[in-house]
PDB file of N, CA and C in Angstrom:
ATOM      1  N   MET A   1      -8.885  16.091 118.048  1.00  0.00           N
ATOM      2  CA  MET A   1      -9.717  16.940 117.118  1.00  0.00           C
ATOM      3  C   MET A   1      -9.056  18.325 116.886  1.00  0.00           C
ATOM      4  N   ILE A   2      -8.846  18.667 115.728  1.00  0.00           N
ATOM      5  CA  ILE A   2      -8.126  20.007 115.489  1.00  0.00           C
ATOM      6  C   ILE A   2      -9.297  20.939 115.384  1.00  0.00           C
ATOM      7  N   ASN A   3      -8.954  22.239 115.930  1.00  0.00           N
ATOM      8  CA  ASN A   3      -9.875  23.196 115.959  1.00  0.00           C
ATOM      9  C   ASN A   3      -9.740  24.083 114.682  1.00  0.00           C
ATOM     10  N   ASP A   4     -10.744  24.260 114.023  1.00  0.00           N
ATOM     11  CA  ASP A   4     -10.682  25.159 112.721  1.00  0.00           C
ATOM     12  C   ASP A   4     -11.245  26.591 113.168  1.00  0.00           C
ATOM     13  N   PRO A   5     -10.602  27.574 113.008  1.00  0.00           N
ATOM     14  CA  PRO A   5     -10.945  28.980 113.291  1.00  0.00           C
ATOM     15  C   PRO A   5     -12.091  29.354 112.601  1.00  0.00           C
ATOM     16  N   ILE A   6     -12.248  29.043 111.294  1.00  0.00           N
ATOM     17  CA  ILE A   6     -13.454  29.271 110.593  1.00  0.00           C
ATOM     18  C   ILE A   6     -14.624  28.810 110.998  1.00  0.00           C
ATOM     19  N   VAL A   7     -14.529  27.525 111.296  1.00  0.00           N
ATOM     20  CA  VAL A   7     -15.745  26.780 111.801  1.00  0.00           C
ATOM     21  C   VAL A   7     -16.205  27.327 113.141  1.00  0.00           C
ATOM     22  N   ASP A   8     -15.148  27.740 113.827  1.00  0.00           N
ATOM     23  CA  ASP A   8     -15.385  28.362 115.380  1.00  0.00           C
ATOM     24  C   ASP A   8     -15.903  29.734 115.125  1.00  0.00           C
ATOM     25  N   GLU A   9     -15.573  30.398 114.228  1.00  0.00           N
ATOM     26  CA  GLU A   9     -16.372  31.698 113.918  1.00  0.00           C
ATOM     27  C   GLU A   9     -17.822  31.582 113.463  1.00  0.00           C
ATOM     28  N   VAL A  10     -17.918  30.602 112.660  1.00  0.00           N
ATOM     29  CA  VAL A  10     -19.312  30.543 112.021  1.00  0.00           C
ATOM     30  C   VAL A  10     -20.231  30.005 113.153  1.00  0.00           C
ATOM     31  N   ARG A  11     -19.680  29.124 113.951  1.00  0.00           N
ATOM     32  CA  ARG A  11     -20.502  28.635 115.077  1.00  0.00           C
ATOM     33  C   ARG A  11     -20.810  29.731 116.063  1.00  0.00           C
ATOM     34  N   ALA A  12     -19.874  30.761 116.370  1.00  0.00           N
ATOM     35  CA  ALA A  12     -20.030  31.803 117.306  1.00  0.00           C
ATOM     36  C   ALA A  12     -21.161  32.797 116.667  1.00  0.00           C
ATOM     37  N   ILE A  13     -21.072  32.990 115.447  1.00  0.00           N
ATOM     38  CA  ILE A  13     -22.052  33.884 114.650  1.00  0.00           C
ATOM     39  C   ILE A  13     -23.403  33.257 114.800  1.00  0.00           C
ATOM     40  N   ARG A  14     -23.450  32.079 114.473  1.00  0.00           N
ATOM     41  CA  ARG A  14     -24.759  31.242 114.580  1.00  0.00           C
ATOM     42  C   ARG A  14     -25.447  31.348 116.146  1.00  0.00           C
ATOM     43  N   ASP A  15     -24.497  31.183 116.883  1.00  0.00           N
ATOM     44  CA  ASP A  15     -25.180  31.366 118.369  1.00  0.00           C
ATOM     45  C   ASP A  15     -25.505  32.599 118.682  1.00  0.00           C
ATOM     46  N   SER A  16     -24.746  33.618 118.265  1.00  0.00           N
ATOM     47  CA  SER A  16     -25.140  34.991 118.601  1.00  0.00           C
ATOM     48  C   SER A  16     -26.395  35.340 117.928  1.00  0.00           C
ATOM     49  N   ILE A  17     -26.644  34.875 116.637  1.00  0.00           N
ATOM     50  CA  ILE A  17     -27.893  35.150 116.051  1.00  0.00           C
ATOM     51  C   ILE A  17     -29.116  34.531 116.749  1.00  0.00           C
ATOM     52  N   ALA A  18     -28.652  33.238 117.213  1.00  0.00           N
ATOM     53  CA  ALA A  18     -29.872  32.434 117.988  1.00  0.00           C
ATOM     54  C   ALA A  18     -30.262  33.128 119.260  1.00  0.00           C
ATOM     55  N   LYS A  19     -29.240  33.644 119.936  1.00  0.00           N
ATOM     56  CA  LYS A  19     -29.624  34.306 121.300  1.00  0.00           C
ATOM     57  C   LYS A  19     -30.419  35.565 120.987  1.00  0.00           C
ATOM     58  N   GLU A  20     -30.019  36.301 119.880  1.00  0.00           N
ATOM     59  CA  GLU A  20     -30.809  37.472 119.688  1.00  0.00           C
ATOM     60  C   GLU A  20     -32.399  37.175 119.505  1.00  0.00           C
ATOM     61  N   HIS A  21     -32.690  35.910 119.080  1.00  0.00           N
ATOM     62  CA  HIS A  21     -33.896  35.446 118.918  1.00  0.00           C
ATOM     63  C   HIS A  21     -34.475  34.580 119.910  1.00  0.00           C
ATOM     64  N   ASN A  22     -33.794  34.528 120.849  1.00  0.00           N
ATOM     65  CA  ASN A  22     -34.181  33.527 121.910  1.00  0.00           C
ATOM     66  C   ASN A  22     -34.169  32.201 121.628  1.00  0.00           C
ATOM     67  N   TYR A  23     -33.324  31.730 120.674  1.00  0.00           N
ATOM     68  CA  TYR A  23     -33.390  30.282 120.114  1.00  0.00           C
ATOM     69  C   TYR A  23     -34.575  29.937 119.537  1.00  0.00           C
ATOM     70  N   ASP A  24     -35.492  30.760 118.799  1.00  0.00           N
ATOM     71  CA  ASP A  24     -36.831  30.551 118.223  1.00  0.00           C
ATOM     72  C   ASP A  24     -36.533  30.568 116.800  1.00  0.00           C
ATOM     73  N   ILE A  25     -36.555  29.389 116.218  1.00  0.00           N
ATOM     74  CA  ILE A  25     -36.121  29.183 114.833  1.00  0.00           C
ATOM     75  C   ILE A  25     -37.168  29.929 113.921  1.00  0.00           C
ATOM     76  N   ASP A  26     -38.396  29.948 114.291  1.00  0.00           N
ATOM     77  CA  ASP A  26     -39.458  30.820 113.353  1.00  0.00           C
ATOM     78  C   ASP A  26     -38.995  32.298 113.401  1.00  0.00           C
ATOM     79  N   SER A  27     -38.584  32.925 114.646  1.00  0.00           N
ATOM     80  CA  SER A  27     -38.154  34.116 114.479  1.00  0.00           C
ATOM     81  C   SER A  27     -36.861  34.433 113.749  1.00  0.00           C
ATOM     82  N   ILE A  28     -35.865  33.435 113.840  1.00  0.00           N
ATOM     83  CA  ILE A  28     -34.687  33.667 113.016  1.00  0.00           C
ATOM     84  C   ILE A  28     -34.912  33.478 111.621  1.00  0.00           C
ATOM     85  N   PHE A  29     -35.910  32.734 111.367  1.00  0.00           N
ATOM     86  CA  PHE A  29     -36.192  32.577 109.744  1.00  0.00           C
ATOM     87  C   PHE A  29     -37.005  33.976 109.366  1.00  0.00           C
ATOM     88  N   GLU A  30     -37.841  34.341 110.166  1.00  0.00           N
ATOM     89  CA  GLU A  30     -38.479  35.734 109.882  1.00  0.00           C
ATOM     90  C   GLU A  30     -37.402  36.872 109.728  1.00  0.00           C
ATOM     91  N   SER A  31     -36.594  36.703 110.653  1.00  0.00           N
ATOM     92  CA  SER A  31     -35.528  37.872 110.507  1.00  0.00           C
ATOM     93  C   SER A  31     -34.698  37.903 109.047  1.00  0.00           C
ATOM     94  N   PHE A  32     -34.257  36.568 108.856  1.00  0.00           N
ATOM     95  CA  PHE A  32     -33.478  36.630 107.621  1.00  0.00           C
ATOM     96  C   PHE A  32     -34.421  36.730 106.302  1.00  0.00           C
ATOM     97  N   ARG A  33     -35.765  36.224 106.411  1.00  0.00           N
ATOM     98  CA  ARG A  33     -36.686  36.717 105.301  1.00  0.00           C
ATOM     99  C   ARG A  33     -36.676  38.194 104.941  1.00  0.00           C
ATOM    100  N   ARG A  34     -36.890  38.918 106.177  1.00  0.00           N
ATOM    101  CA  ARG A  34     -36.982  40.307 106.144  1.00  0.00           C
ATOM    102  C   ARG A  34     -35.642  41.025 105.671  1.00  0.00           C
ATOM    103  N   LEU A  35     -34.578  40.447 106.005  1.00  0.00           N
ATOM    104  CA  LEU A  35     -33.346  41.012 105.372  1.00  0.00           C
ATOM    105  C   LEU A  35     -33.213  40.866 104.012  1.00  0.00           C
ATOM    106  N   ARG A  36     -33.602  39.496 103.558  1.00  0.00           N
ATOM    107  CA  ARG A  36     -33.691  39.282 102.037  1.00  0.00           C
ATOM    108  C   ARG A  36     -34.489  40.079 101.321  1.00  0.00           C
ATOM    109  N   GLU A  37     -35.613  40.366 101.785  1.00  0.00           N
ATOM    110  CA  GLU A  37     -36.609  41.391 101.142  1.00  0.00           C
ATOM    111  C   GLU A  37     -35.974  42.609 101.107  1.00  0.00           C
ATOM    112  N   ALA A  38     -35.353  43.107 102.056  1.00  0.00           N
ATOM    113  CA  ALA A  38     -34.876  44.431 102.204  1.00  0.00           C
ATOM    114  C   ALA A  38     -33.596  44.653 101.308  1.00  0.00           C
ATOM    115  N   GLY A  39     -33.108  43.557 100.761  1.00  0.00           N
ATOM    116  CA  GLY A  39     -31.918  43.545  99.741  1.00  0.00           C
ATOM    117  C   GLY A  39     -30.778  43.457 100.505  1.00  0.00           C
ATOM    118  N   GLU A  40     -30.594  43.179 101.863  1.00  0.00           N
ATOM    119  CA  GLU A  40     -29.365  43.326 102.692  1.00  0.00           C
ATOM    120  C   GLU A  40     -28.785  41.828 102.688  1.00  0.00           C
ATOM    121  N   ARG A  41     -29.567  40.739 102.150  1.00  0.00           N
ATOM    122  CA  ARG A  41     -28.939  39.437 102.100  1.00  0.00           C
ATOM    123  C   ARG A  41     -29.346  38.880 100.831  1.00  0.00           C
ATOM    124  N   SER A  42     -28.478  38.088 100.152  1.00  0.00           N
ATOM    125  CA  SER A  42     -29.026  37.451  98.815  1.00  0.00           C
ATOM    126  C   SER A  42     -28.923  35.971  99.171  1.00  0.00           C
ATOM    127  N   VAL A  43     -29.849  35.352  98.335  1.00  0.00           N
ATOM    128  CA  VAL A  43     -29.955  33.835  98.386  1.00  0.00           C
ATOM    129  C   VAL A  43     -29.418  33.308  97.042  1.00  0.00           C
ATOM    130  N   ALA A  44     -28.566  32.365  97.187  1.00  0.00           N
ATOM    131  CA  ALA A  44     -28.077  31.800  95.941  1.00  0.00           C
ATOM    132  C   ALA A  44     -29.066  30.629  95.572  1.00  0.00           C
ATOM    133  N   PRO A  45     -29.388  30.472  94.296  1.00  0.00           N
ATOM    134  CA  PRO A  45     -30.300  29.500  93.885  1.00  0.00           C
ATOM    135  C   PRO A  45     -29.696  28.192  94.081  1.00  0.00           C
ATOM    136  N   PRO A  46     -30.531  27.129  94.341  1.00  0.00           N
ATOM    137  CA  PRO A  46     -29.920  25.891  94.576  1.00  0.00           C
ATOM    138  C   PRO A  46     -29.330  25.297  93.343  1.00  0.00           C
ATOM    139  N   ALA A  47     -28.281  24.504  93.645  1.00  0.00           N
ATOM    140  CA  ALA A  47     -27.470  23.893  92.518  1.00  0.00           C
ATOM    141  C   ALA A  47     -28.464  22.932  91.655  1.00  0.00           C
ATOM    142  N   ALA A  48     -28.417  22.670  90.356  1.00  0.00           N
ATOM    143  CA  ALA A  48     -29.171  21.857  89.683  1.00  0.00           C
ATOM    144  C   ALA A  48     -28.665  20.371  90.076  1.00  0.00           C
ATOM    145  N   ARG A  49     -29.402  19.539  90.279  1.00  0.00           N
ATOM    146  CA  ARG A  49     -29.083  18.178  90.651  1.00  0.00           C
ATOM    147  C   ARG A  49     -29.103  17.191  89.495  1.00  0.00           C
ATOM    148  N   GLN A  50     -28.426  16.274  89.347  1.00  0.00           N
ATOM    149  CA  GLN A  50     -28.294  15.243  88.367  1.00  0.00           C
ATOM    150  C   GLN A  50     -29.204  14.036  88.936  1.00  0.00           C
ATOM    151  N   SER A  51     -29.814  13.469  87.934  1.00  0.00           N
ATOM    152  CA  SER A  51     -30.435  12.067  88.396  1.00  0.00           C
ATOM    153  C   SER A  51     -29.203  11.050  88.546  1.00  0.00           C
ATOM    154  N   PRO A  52     -29.288  10.064  89.327  1.00  0.00           N
ATOM    155  CA  PRO A  52     -28.350   9.127  89.522  1.00  0.00           C
ATOM    156  C   PRO A  52     -27.914   8.479  88.130  1.00  0.00           C
ATOM    157  N   ASP A  53     -28.692   8.314  87.201  1.00  0.00           N
ATOM    158  CA  ASP A  53     -28.243   7.843  85.872  1.00  0.00           C
ATOM    159  C   ASP A  53     -27.364   8.742  85.207  1.00  0.00           C
ATOM    160  N   GLU A  54     -27.878  10.032  85.394  1.00  0.00           N
ATOM    161  CA  GLU A  54     -26.840  11.137  84.752  1.00  0.00           C
ATOM    162  C   GLU A  54     -25.690  11.286  85.332  1.00  0.00           C
ATOM    163  N   HIS A  55     -25.672  11.103  86.766  1.00  0.00           N
ATOM    164  CA  HIS A  55     -24.269  11.187  87.377  1.00  0.00           C
ATOM    165  C   HIS A  55     -23.295  10.137  87.061  1.00  0.00           C
ATOM    166  N   ASP A  56     -23.970   8.792  87.050  1.00  0.00           N
ATOM    167  CA  ASP A  56     -23.103   7.669  86.646  1.00  0.00           C
ATOM    168  C   ASP A  56     -22.486   7.687  85.301  1.00  0.00           C
ATOM    169  N   SER A  57     -23.319   8.251  84.306  1.00  0.00           N
ATOM    170  CA  SER A  57     -22.760   8.146  83.006  1.00  0.00           C
ATOM    171  C   SER A  57     -21.836   9.358  82.753  1.00  0.00           C
ATOM    172  N   ALA A  58     -21.971  10.480  83.565  1.00  0.00           N
ATOM    173  CA  ALA A  58     -20.977  11.498  83.553  1.00  0.00           C
ATOM    174  C   ALA A  58     -19.772  11.156  84.073  1.00  0.00           C
ATOM    175  N   SER A  59     -19.770  10.323  85.121  1.00  0.00           N
ATOM    176  CA  SER A  59     -18.720   9.882  85.918  1.00  0.00           C
ATOM    177  C   SER A  59     -17.850   9.027  84.919  1.00  0.00           C
ATOM    178  N   SER A  60     -18.658   7.986  84.260  1.00  0.00           N
ATOM    179  CA  SER A  60     -17.954   7.008  83.231  1.00  0.00           C
ATOM    180  C   SER A  60     -17.193   7.748  82.224  1.00  0.00           C
ATOM    181  N   GLU A  61     -17.880   8.824  81.809  1.00  0.00           N
ATOM    182  CA  GLU A  61     -17.323   9.572  80.627  1.00  0.00           C
ATOM    183  C   GLU A  61     -16.058  10.335  80.944  1.00  0.00           C
ATOM    184  N   GLY A  62     -16.128  10.810  82.110  1.00  0.00           N
ATOM    185  CA  GLY A  62     -14.944  11.685  82.746  1.00  0.00           C
ATOM    186  C   GLY A  62     -13.852  10.657  82.928  1.00  0.00           C
ATOM    187  N   ALA A  63     -14.117   9.493  83.375  1.00  0.00           N
ATOM    188  CA  ALA A  63     -13.035   8.547  83.504  1.00  0.00           C
ATOM    189  C   ALA A  63     -12.406   8.152  82.165  1.00  0.00           C
ATOM    190  N   VAL A  64     -13.126   8.078  81.148  1.00  0.00           N
ATOM    191  CA  VAL A  64     -12.632   7.705  79.829  1.00  0.00           C
ATOM    192  C   VAL A  64     -11.811   8.857  79.316  1.00  0.00           C
ATOM    193  N   GLU A  65     -12.343  10.088  79.466  1.00  0.00           N
ATOM    194  CA  GLU A  65     -11.613  11.305  79.080  1.00  0.00           C
ATOM    195  C   GLU A  65     -10.246  11.255  79.800  1.00  0.00           C
ATOM    196  N   GLN A  66     -10.312  11.138  81.073  1.00  0.00           N
ATOM    197  CA  GLN A  66      -8.924  11.038  81.942  1.00  0.00           C
ATOM    198  C   GLN A  66      -8.005  10.234  81.335  1.00  0.00           C
ATOM    199  N   ASP A  67      -8.581   9.003  81.190  1.00  0.00           N
ATOM    200  CA  ASP A  67      -7.691   7.949  80.763  1.00  0.00           C
ATOM    201  C   ASP A  67      -7.036   8.302  79.502  1.00  0.00           C
ATOM    202  N   GLY A  68      -7.805   8.974  78.421  1.00  0.00           N
ATOM    203  CA  GLY A  68      -7.272   9.256  77.255  1.00  0.00           C
ATOM    204  C   GLY A  68      -6.165  10.396  77.356  1.00  0.00           C
ATOM    205  N   ALA A  69      -6.348  11.391  78.235  1.00  0.00           N
ATOM    206  CA  ALA A  69      -5.621  12.524  78.496  1.00  0.00           C
ATOM    207  C   ALA A  69      -4.189  11.796  79.144  1.00  0.00           C
ATOM    208  N   ALA A  70      -4.379  10.839  80.010  1.00  0.00           N
ATOM    209  CA  ALA A  70      -3.035  10.335  80.622  1.00  0.00           C
ATOM    210  C   ALA A  70      -2.390   9.809  79.355  1.00  0.00           C
ATOM    211  N   GLU A  71      -2.912   9.146  78.556  1.00  0.00           N
ATOM    212  CA  GLU A  71      -2.163   8.274  77.406  1.00  0.00           C
ATOM    213  C   GLU A  71      -1.667   9.219  76.552  1.00  0.00           C
ATOM    214  N   THR A  72      -2.375  10.452  76.288  1.00  0.00           N
ATOM    215  CA  THR A  72      -1.832  11.451  75.367  1.00  0.00           C
ATOM    216  C   THR A  72      -0.599  12.113  76.183  1.00  0.00           C
ATOM    217  N   ALA A  73      -0.765  12.294  77.309  1.00  0.00           N
ATOM    218  CA  ALA A  73       0.446  13.054  78.165  1.00  0.00           C
ATOM    219  C   ALA A  73       1.648  12.056  78.101  1.00  0.00           C
ATOM    220  N   ALA A  74       1.379  10.751  78.431  1.00  0.00           N
ATOM    221  CA  ALA A  74       2.381   9.709  78.290  1.00  0.00           C
ATOM    222  C   ALA A  74       3.111   9.781  76.892  1.00  0.00           C
ATOM    223  N   HIS A  75       2.341   9.810  75.965  1.00  0.00           N
ATOM    224  CA  HIS A  75       2.825   9.801  74.522  1.00  0.00           C
ATOM    225  C   HIS A  75       3.890  10.967  74.223  1.00  0.00           C
ATOM    226  N   HIS A  76       3.526  11.974  74.843  1.00  0.00           N
ATOM    227  CA  HIS A  76       4.343  13.165  74.366  1.00  0.00           C
ATOM    228  C   HIS A  76       5.533  13.304  75.350  1.00  0.00           C
ATOM    229  N   ARG A  77       5.778  12.471  76.241  1.00  0.00           N
ATOM    230  CA  ARG A  77       6.995  12.502  77.228  1.00  0.00           C
ATOM    231  C   ARG A  77       8.104  11.965  76.555  1.00  0.00           C
TER     232      ARG A  77
END
């Protein structure tokens, strides 16, 4: 397995935070909540999810558009 320095750093930070709170998830959550309320941490809104039907139709339309683009590119060569 290849070591990824970014993953290693994230895991080290996660462990450091957990140790500060004696691995108590409620304490960790409360700490992050206080930081967010103090404006020291921001929370990104969750991404909008597509229903499976929307996802399938978007994928199909994208495939058609890509095929058309490939044909256009081939025509201009």
